[in-house]
PDB file of N, CA and C in Angstrom:
ATOM      1  N   MET A   1       8.394  22.009  -3.858  1.00  0.00           N
ATOM      2  CA  MET A   1       7.635  21.032  -3.338  1.00  0.00           C
ATOM      3  C   MET A   1       8.134  20.656  -2.444  1.00  0.00           C
ATOM      4  N   ASP A   2       7.698  20.135  -1.238  1.00  0.00           N
ATOM      5  CA  ASP A   2       7.630  19.677   0.359  1.00  0.00           C
ATOM      6  C   ASP A   2       8.829  18.045  -0.302  1.00  0.00           C
ATOM      7  N   LYS A   3       9.391  18.160   0.409  1.00  0.00           N
ATOM      8  CA  LYS A   3      10.615  16.887  -0.145  1.00  0.00           C
ATOM      9  C   LYS A   3      10.163  15.518   0.756  1.00  0.00           C
ATOM     10  N   GLU A   4       9.152  15.200   1.608  1.00  0.00           N
ATOM     11  CA  GLU A   4       8.423  14.060   1.616  1.00  0.00           C
ATOM     12  C   GLU A   4       7.100  14.237   0.560  1.00  0.00           C
ATOM     13  N   ILE A   5       6.720  15.095  -0.192  1.00  0.00           N
ATOM     14  CA  ILE A   5       5.664  15.088  -1.061  1.00  0.00           C
ATOM     15  C   ILE A   5       7.137  14.723  -2.744  1.00  0.00           C
ATOM     16  N   GLU A   6       8.142  14.867  -2.432  1.00  0.00           N
ATOM     17  CA  GLU A   6       8.830  14.456  -3.680  1.00  0.00           C
ATOM     18  C   GLU A   6       9.461  12.994  -3.229  1.00  0.00           C
ATOM     19  N   ASN A   7       9.933  12.588  -2.589  1.00  0.00           N
ATOM     20  CA  ASN A   7       9.978  11.493  -2.408  1.00  0.00           C
ATOM     21  C   ASN A   7       8.455  10.123  -2.360  1.00  0.00           C
ATOM     22  N   ILE A   8       7.316  10.722  -1.968  1.00  0.00           N
ATOM     23  CA  ILE A   8       5.852   9.658  -2.531  1.00  0.00           C
ATOM     24  C   ILE A   8       5.717  10.101  -4.192  1.00  0.00           C
ATOM     25  N   ILE A   9       6.499  10.676  -4.271  1.00  0.00           N
ATOM     26  CA  ILE A   9       6.143  10.771  -6.389  1.00  0.00           C
ATOM     27  C   ILE A   9       7.164  10.232  -6.477  1.00  0.00           C
ATOM     28  N   GLU A  10       8.860  10.175  -5.971  1.00  0.00           N
ATOM     29  CA  GLU A  10       9.456   9.026  -6.523  1.00  0.00           C
ATOM     30  C   GLU A  10       8.991   7.905  -6.514  1.00  0.00           C
ATOM     31  N   MET A  11       9.096   7.810  -5.008  1.00  0.00           N
ATOM     32  CA  MET A  11       8.169   5.923  -5.026  1.00  0.00           C
ATOM     33  C   MET A  11       7.626   5.914  -5.112  1.00  0.00           C
ATOM     34  N   ALA A  12       5.994   6.194  -6.157  1.00  0.00           N
ATOM     35  CA  ALA A  12       5.851   6.249  -6.891  1.00  0.00           C
ATOM     36  C   ALA A  12       5.813   5.272  -8.317  1.00  0.00           C
ATOM     37  N   LYS A  13       6.990   6.268  -8.998  1.00  0.00           N
ATOM     38  CA  LYS A  13       7.562   6.455 -10.132  1.00  0.00           C
ATOM     39  C   LYS A  13       7.790   4.899  -9.861  1.00  0.00           C
ATOM     40  N   SER A  14       8.972   4.483  -8.891  1.00  0.00           N
ATOM     41  CA  SER A  14       9.531   3.783  -9.101  1.00  0.00           C
ATOM     42  C   SER A  14       8.511   2.370  -8.581  1.00  0.00           C
ATOM     43  N   GLY A  15       7.321   2.363  -8.046  1.00  0.00           N
ATOM     44  CA  GLY A  15       6.104   0.538  -8.100  1.00  0.00           C
ATOM     45  C   GLY A  15       5.859   0.356  -7.165  1.00  0.00           C
ATOM     46  N   ASN A  16       6.053   1.469  -5.441  1.00  0.00           N
ATOM     47  CA  ASN A  16       5.671   1.548  -5.048  1.00  0.00           C
ATOM     48  C   ASN A  16       4.010   1.304  -4.535  1.00  0.00           C
ATOM     49  N   ALA A  17       3.647  -0.100  -4.493  1.00  0.00           N
ATOM     50  CA  ALA A  17       1.668   1.127  -4.693  1.00  0.00           C
ATOM     51  C   ALA A  17       1.557   1.852  -3.340  1.00  0.00           C
ATOM     52  N   GLU A  18       1.706   1.394  -1.901  1.00  0.00           N
ATOM     53  CA  GLU A  18       1.210   1.969  -0.783  1.00  0.00           C
ATOM     54  C   GLU A  18       1.193   3.663  -1.626  1.00  0.00           C
ATOM     55  N   CYS A  19       2.337   4.060  -1.777  1.00  0.00           N
ATOM     56  CA  CYS A  19       2.991   5.670  -2.693  1.00  0.00           C
ATOM     57  C   CYS A  19       1.971   5.423  -3.286  1.00  0.00           C
ATOM     58  N   GLN A  20       2.016   4.305  -4.631  1.00  0.00           N
ATOM     59  CA  GLN A  20       1.111   4.654  -5.645  1.00  0.00           C
ATOM     60  C   GLN A  20      -0.886   4.977  -5.209  1.00  0.00           C
ATOM     61  N   TYR A  21      -0.834   4.615  -4.744  1.00  0.00           N
ATOM     62  CA  TYR A  21      -2.452   4.717  -3.964  1.00  0.00           C
ATOM     63  C   TYR A  21      -2.183   6.080  -2.840  1.00  0.00           C
ATOM     64  N   LYS A  22      -1.610   6.663  -2.478  1.00  0.00           N
ATOM     65  CA  LYS A  22      -1.212   7.979  -1.887  1.00  0.00           C
ATOM     66  C   LYS A  22      -1.337   9.165  -2.817  1.00  0.00           C
ATOM     67  N   LEU A  23      -0.865   8.949  -3.626  1.00  0.00           N
ATOM     68  CA  LEU A  23      -1.054   9.979  -4.556  1.00  0.00           C
ATOM     69  C   LEU A  23      -1.736   9.701  -5.853  1.00  0.00           C
ATOM     70  N   GLY A  24      -2.591   8.518  -5.584  1.00  0.00           N
ATOM     71  CA  GLY A  24      -3.945   8.541  -5.819  1.00  0.00           C
ATOM     72  C   GLY A  24      -5.116   9.427  -5.025  1.00  0.00           C
ATOM     73  N   CYS A  25      -4.946   9.112  -4.271  1.00  0.00           N
ATOM     74  CA  CYS A  25      -5.984   9.970  -3.028  1.00  0.00           C
ATOM     75  C   CYS A  25      -5.422  11.326  -3.306  1.00  0.00           C
ATOM     76  N   ALA A  26      -3.948  12.239  -3.164  1.00  0.00           N
ATOM     77  CA  ALA A  26      -3.808  13.681  -3.746  1.00  0.00           C
ATOM     78  C   ALA A  26      -4.856  13.361  -4.286  1.00  0.00           C
ATOM     79  N   TYR A  27      -4.781  13.223  -5.758  1.00  0.00           N
ATOM     80  CA  TYR A  27      -5.385  13.695  -6.938  1.00  0.00           C
ATOM     81  C   TYR A  27      -6.204  13.805  -7.164  1.00  0.00           C
ATOM     82  N   MET A  28      -7.218  12.741  -6.642  1.00  0.00           N
ATOM     83  CA  MET A  28      -8.632  12.735  -6.182  1.00  0.00           C
ATOM     84  C   MET A  28      -8.625  13.751  -5.017  1.00  0.00           C
ATOM     85  N   SER A  29      -8.112  14.101  -3.895  1.00  0.00           N
ATOM     86  CA  SER A  29      -8.920  14.965  -3.412  1.00  0.00           C
ATOM     87  C   SER A  29      -8.729  16.146  -2.963  1.00  0.00           C
ATOM     88  N   GLY A  30      -7.204  17.007  -3.555  1.00  0.00           N
ATOM     89  CA  GLY A  30      -6.692  18.138  -3.821  1.00  0.00           C
ATOM     90  C   GLY A  30      -6.038  18.555  -2.291  1.00  0.00           C
ATOM     91  N   GLU A  31      -5.932  17.826  -1.955  1.00  0.00           N
ATOM     92  CA  GLU A  31      -5.259  18.004   0.163  1.00  0.00           C
ATOM     93  C   GLU A  31      -3.441  18.580  -1.131  1.00  0.00           C
ATOM     94  N   LEU A  32      -3.177  18.224  -1.104  1.00  0.00           N
ATOM     95  CA  LEU A  32      -1.947  18.519  -1.545  1.00  0.00           C
ATOM     96  C   LEU A  32      -1.962  19.840  -2.689  1.00  0.00           C
ATOM     97  N   VAL A  33      -3.438  20.067  -2.848  1.00  0.00           N
ATOM     98  CA  VAL A  33      -2.918  21.401  -4.194  1.00  0.00           C
ATOM     99  C   VAL A  33      -2.039  22.706  -3.635  1.00  0.00           C
ATOM    100  N   ASP A  34      -2.128  23.100  -2.783  1.00  0.00           N
ATOM    101  CA  ASP A  34      -0.869  23.300  -2.339  1.00  0.00           C
ATOM    102  C   ASP A  34       0.783  23.624  -2.359  1.00  0.00           C
ATOM    103  N   TYR A  35       1.254  22.600  -3.295  1.00  0.00           N
ATOM    104  CA  TYR A  35       2.240  21.871  -2.841  1.00  0.00           C
ATOM    105  C   TYR A  35       1.740  21.362  -4.946  1.00  0.00           C
ATOM    106  N   GLY A  36       1.355  21.905  -5.656  1.00  0.00           N
ATOM    107  CA  GLY A  36       1.124  21.685  -6.755  1.00  0.00           C
ATOM    108  C   GLY A  36       0.121  20.516  -7.398  1.00  0.00           C
ATOM    109  N   ILE A  37      -0.242  19.871  -7.184  1.00  0.00           N
ATOM    110  CA  ILE A  37      -0.337  18.442  -7.209  1.00  0.00           C
ATOM    111  C   ILE A  37      -2.140  18.675  -7.332  1.00  0.00           C
ATOM    112  N   ASP A  38      -2.704  19.235  -8.531  1.00  0.00           N
ATOM    113  CA  ASP A  38      -3.957  19.759  -8.557  1.00  0.00           C
ATOM    114  C   ASP A  38      -5.033  18.830  -8.538  1.00  0.00           C
ATOM    115  N   ILE A  39      -6.525  19.280  -8.826  1.00  0.00           N
ATOM    116  CA  ILE A  39      -7.319  17.550  -8.359  1.00  0.00           C
ATOM    117  C   ILE A  39      -7.371  17.425 -10.643  1.00  0.00           C
ATOM    118  N   ASP A  40      -6.899  15.717 -10.239  1.00  0.00           N
ATOM    119  CA  ASP A  40      -7.037  15.226 -11.912  1.00  0.00           C
ATOM    120  C   ASP A  40      -7.435  13.823 -11.625  1.00  0.00           C
ATOM    121  N   MET A  41      -8.847  14.069 -12.573  1.00  0.00           N
ATOM    122  CA  MET A  41      -9.582  12.874 -12.186  1.00  0.00           C
ATOM    123  C   MET A  41      -8.714  11.549 -12.781  1.00  0.00           C
ATOM    124  N   GLN A  42      -7.575  12.005 -13.565  1.00  0.00           N
ATOM    125  CA  GLN A  42      -7.102  11.066 -15.207  1.00  0.00           C
ATOM    126  C   GLN A  42      -5.728  10.396 -13.744  1.00  0.00           C
ATOM    127  N   LYS A  43      -5.603  11.259 -13.548  1.00  0.00           N
ATOM    128  CA  LYS A  43      -4.512  11.022 -12.641  1.00  0.00           C
ATOM    129  C   LYS A  43      -4.376   9.705 -11.278  1.00  0.00           C
ATOM    130  N   SER A  44      -5.621  10.587 -11.036  1.00  0.00           N
ATOM    131  CA  SER A  44      -6.338   9.862 -10.005  1.00  0.00           C
ATOM    132  C   SER A  44      -6.413   8.167  -9.992  1.00  0.00           C
ATOM    133  N   ALA A  45      -6.852   8.272 -11.205  1.00  0.00           N
ATOM    134  CA  ALA A  45      -6.909   6.937 -11.588  1.00  0.00           C
ATOM    135  C   ALA A  45      -6.332   5.964 -12.678  1.00  0.00           C
ATOM    136  N   TYR A  46      -4.982   6.568 -12.679  1.00  0.00           N
ATOM    137  CA  TYR A  46      -3.820   6.068 -12.779  1.00  0.00           C
ATOM    138  C   TYR A  46      -3.253   5.317 -11.973  1.00  0.00           C
ATOM    139  N   TRP A  47      -2.612   6.408 -11.675  1.00  0.00           N
ATOM    140  CA  TRP A  47      -1.752   5.855  -9.573  1.00  0.00           C
ATOM    141  C   TRP A  47      -2.811   4.708  -9.136  1.00  0.00           C
ATOM    142  N   PHE A  48      -4.284   5.107  -8.826  1.00  0.00           N
ATOM    143  CA  PHE A  48      -4.829   3.856  -8.075  1.00  0.00           C
ATOM    144  C   PHE A  48      -4.904   2.715  -9.179  1.00  0.00           C
ATOM    145  N   TYR A  49      -5.204   2.495  -9.975  1.00  0.00           N
ATOM    146  CA  TYR A  49      -4.682   1.107 -11.017  1.00  0.00           C
ATOM    147  C   TYR A  49      -3.450   0.673 -11.426  1.00  0.00           C
ATOM    148  N   SER A  50      -2.417   1.489 -10.864  1.00  0.00           N
ATOM    149  CA  SER A  50      -1.302   1.297 -11.163  1.00  0.00           C
ATOM    150  C   SER A  50      -1.156   0.196  -9.251  1.00  0.00           C
ATOM    151  N   ALA A  51      -1.118   1.331  -8.555  1.00  0.00           N
ATOM    152  CA  ALA A  51      -1.889   0.104  -7.083  1.00  0.00           C
ATOM    153  C   ALA A  51      -1.999  -1.382  -7.334  1.00  0.00           C
ATOM    154  N   ALA A  52      -3.504  -0.844  -7.823  1.00  0.00           N
ATOM    155  CA  ALA A  52      -4.175  -2.136  -7.997  1.00  0.00           C
ATOM    156  C   ALA A  52      -3.722  -3.189  -8.194  1.00  0.00           C
ATOM    157  N   LEU A  53      -3.033  -2.874  -9.498  1.00  0.00           N
ATOM    158  CA  LEU A  53      -2.163  -4.206  -9.844  1.00  0.00           C
ATOM    159  C   LEU A  53      -1.781  -5.098  -9.183  1.00  0.00           C
ATOM    160  N   GLN A  54      -1.381  -4.547  -8.371  1.00  0.00           N
ATOM    161  CA  GLN A  54       0.313  -4.621  -7.499  1.00  0.00           C
ATOM    162  C   GLN A  54      -1.163  -5.258  -6.368  1.00  0.00           C
ATOM    163  N   GLY A  55      -1.790  -5.889  -5.859  1.00  0.00           N
ATOM    164  CA  GLY A  55      -3.018  -6.341  -5.268  1.00  0.00           C
ATOM    165  C   GLY A  55      -3.421  -4.649  -3.600  1.00  0.00           C
ATOM    166  N   HIS A  56      -2.767  -3.822  -4.163  1.00  0.00           N
ATOM    167  CA  HIS A  56      -3.601  -2.576  -3.291  1.00  0.00           C
ATOM    168  C   HIS A  56      -5.132  -2.651  -3.352  1.00  0.00           C
ATOM    169  N   TYR A  57      -5.437  -3.712  -2.240  1.00  0.00           N
ATOM    170  CA  TYR A  57      -7.236  -2.915  -1.390  1.00  0.00           C
ATOM    171  C   TYR A  57      -7.949  -2.453  -1.656  1.00  0.00           C
ATOM    172  N   MET A  58      -7.442  -1.103  -1.152  1.00  0.00           N
ATOM    173  CA  MET A  58      -7.896   0.144  -1.603  1.00  0.00           C
ATOM    174  C   MET A  58      -8.302   0.431  -2.514  1.00  0.00           C
ATOM    175  N   ALA A  59      -7.100   0.220  -2.564  1.00  0.00           N
ATOM    176  CA  ALA A  59      -7.014   0.937  -4.309  1.00  0.00           C
ATOM    177  C   ALA A  59      -7.206   0.052  -5.686  1.00  0.00           C
ATOM    178  N   CYS A  60      -7.716  -1.295  -5.091  1.00  0.00           N
ATOM    179  CA  CYS A  60      -8.307  -1.754  -6.290  1.00  0.00           C
ATOM    180  C   CYS A  60     -10.326  -1.410  -5.902  1.00  0.00           C
ATOM    181  N   PHE A  61     -10.943  -1.084  -4.082  1.00  0.00           N
ATOM    182  CA  PHE A  61     -11.765  -0.723  -4.514  1.00  0.00           C
ATOM    183  C   PHE A  61     -11.877   0.790  -4.761  1.00  0.00           C
ATOM    184  N   ASN A  62     -10.762   1.802  -5.248  1.00  0.00           N
ATOM    185  CA  ASN A  62     -11.453   3.019  -5.799  1.00  0.00           C
ATOM    186  C   ASN A  62     -11.344   3.086  -7.063  1.00  0.00           C
ATOM    187  N   VAL A  63     -10.524   1.952  -7.682  1.00  0.00           N
ATOM    188  CA  VAL A  63     -10.712   1.509  -9.311  1.00  0.00           C
ATOM    189  C   VAL A  63     -12.140   0.775  -9.840  1.00  0.00           C
ATOM    190  N   GLY A  64     -13.093   0.042  -8.973  1.00  0.00           N
ATOM    191  CA  GLY A  64     -13.535  -0.565  -9.008  1.00  0.00           C
ATOM    192  C   GLY A  64     -15.220   0.962  -9.371  1.00  0.00           C
ATOM    193  N   ILE A  65     -14.884   1.540  -8.060  1.00  0.00           N
ATOM    194  CA  ILE A  65     -15.806   2.575  -7.819  1.00  0.00           C
ATOM    195  C   ILE A  65     -15.247   3.622  -8.782  1.00  0.00           C
ATOM    196  N   MET A  66     -14.912   4.070  -9.437  1.00  0.00           N
ATOM    197  CA  MET A  66     -14.157   4.881 -10.191  1.00  0.00           C
ATOM    198  C   MET A  66     -14.439   4.643 -11.783  1.00  0.00           C
ATOM    199  N   PHE A  67     -14.010   3.102 -11.932  1.00  0.00           N
ATOM    200  CA  PHE A  67     -15.364   2.351 -13.263  1.00  0.00           C
ATOM    201  C   PHE A  67     -17.024   2.706 -13.165  1.00  0.00           C
ATOM    202  N   GLU A  68     -17.365   2.444 -12.203  1.00  0.00           N
ATOM    203  CA  GLU A  68     -18.559   2.583 -11.802  1.00  0.00           C
ATOM    204  C   GLU A  68     -19.383   3.548 -12.109  1.00  0.00           C
ATOM    205  N   ASP A  69     -18.992   4.565 -11.651  1.00  0.00           N
ATOM    206  CA  ASP A  69     -19.034   5.817 -11.821  1.00  0.00           C
ATOM    207  C   ASP A  69     -19.010   6.889 -12.919  1.00  0.00           C
ATOM    208  N   GLY A  70     -17.786   6.284 -13.964  1.00  0.00           N
ATOM    209  CA  GLY A  70     -17.401   7.011 -15.002  1.00  0.00           C
ATOM    210  C   GLY A  70     -15.923   7.955 -14.730  1.00  0.00           C
ATOM    211  N   VAL A  71     -16.107   7.699 -13.295  1.00  0.00           N
ATOM    212  CA  VAL A  71     -14.462   8.767 -13.290  1.00  0.00           C
ATOM    213  C   VAL A  71     -12.757   7.955 -13.350  1.00  0.00           C
ATOM    214  N   GLY A  72     -12.644   8.606 -14.202  1.00  0.00           N
ATOM    215  CA  GLY A  72     -11.567   9.374 -14.156  1.00  0.00           C
ATOM    216  C   GLY A  72     -11.284   7.615 -15.411  1.00  0.00           C
ATOM    217  N   PHE A  73     -12.274   6.837 -15.887  1.00  0.00           N
ATOM    218  CA  PHE A  73     -12.155   5.640 -16.482  1.00  0.00           C
ATOM    219  C   PHE A  73     -13.250   6.151 -17.200  1.00  0.00           C
ATOM    220  N   LYS A  74     -13.861   5.626 -18.600  1.00  0.00           N
ATOM    221  CA  LYS A  74     -15.095   5.588 -18.936  1.00  0.00           C
ATOM    222  C   LYS A  74     -15.464   4.407 -18.039  1.00  0.00           C
ATOM    223  N   GLN A  75     -17.221   4.354 -18.549  1.00  0.00           N
ATOM    224  CA  GLN A  75     -17.992   4.090 -17.337  1.00  0.00           C
ATOM    225  C   GLN A  75     -17.783   2.556 -17.476  1.00  0.00           C
ATOM    226  N   SER A  76     -17.728   1.863 -16.422  1.00  0.00           N
ATOM    227  CA  SER A  76     -18.248   0.212 -17.617  1.00  0.00           C
ATOM    228  C   SER A  76     -18.559  -0.316 -15.848  1.00  0.00           C
ATOM    229  N   PHE A  77     -19.532  -1.081 -16.433  1.00  0.00           N
ATOM    230  CA  PHE A  77     -19.799  -1.687 -14.706  1.00  0.00           C
ATOM    231  C   PHE A  77     -19.006  -3.332 -14.816  1.00  0.00           C
ATOM    232  N   GLU A  78     -18.805  -3.736 -16.072  1.00  0.00           N
ATOM    233  CA  GLU A  78     -18.120  -4.649 -15.720  1.00  0.00           C
ATOM    234  C   GLU A  78     -16.864  -4.389 -15.528  1.00  0.00           C
ATOM    235  N   LYS A  79     -15.877  -3.609 -15.826  1.00  0.00           N
ATOM    236  CA  LYS A  79     -14.487  -3.636 -15.174  1.00  0.00           C
ATOM    237  C   LYS A  79     -15.103  -3.216 -13.737  1.00  0.00           C
ATOM    238  N   ALA A  80     -15.757  -2.947 -13.679  1.00  0.00           N
ATOM    239  CA  ALA A  80     -16.250  -2.099 -11.867  1.00  0.00           C
ATOM    240  C   ALA A  80     -16.397  -3.637 -11.156  1.00  0.00           C
ATOM    241  N   PHE A  81     -17.283  -4.311 -11.730  1.00  0.00           N
ATOM    242  CA  PHE A  81     -17.215  -5.991 -10.405  1.00  0.00           C
ATOM    243  C   PHE A  81     -16.100  -6.482 -11.203  1.00  0.00           C
TER     244      PHE A  81
END
């Protein structure tokens, strides 16, 4: 695995909201599948939610959309808004 990606993963695990958001994006898009990060909407939701709890605005947006669509979370219009 690429050193930069390893650093992002470690920083995400340590609570860095921006790295949590980036990891959520990677799991959602599959852009890092060549590095062993396959598309996984549950993991994407986990990392977006972790970043959202810290106020990361794009993560908050993505969590809302995921709740609305029932992707990575059980569908909940209440939680989506």
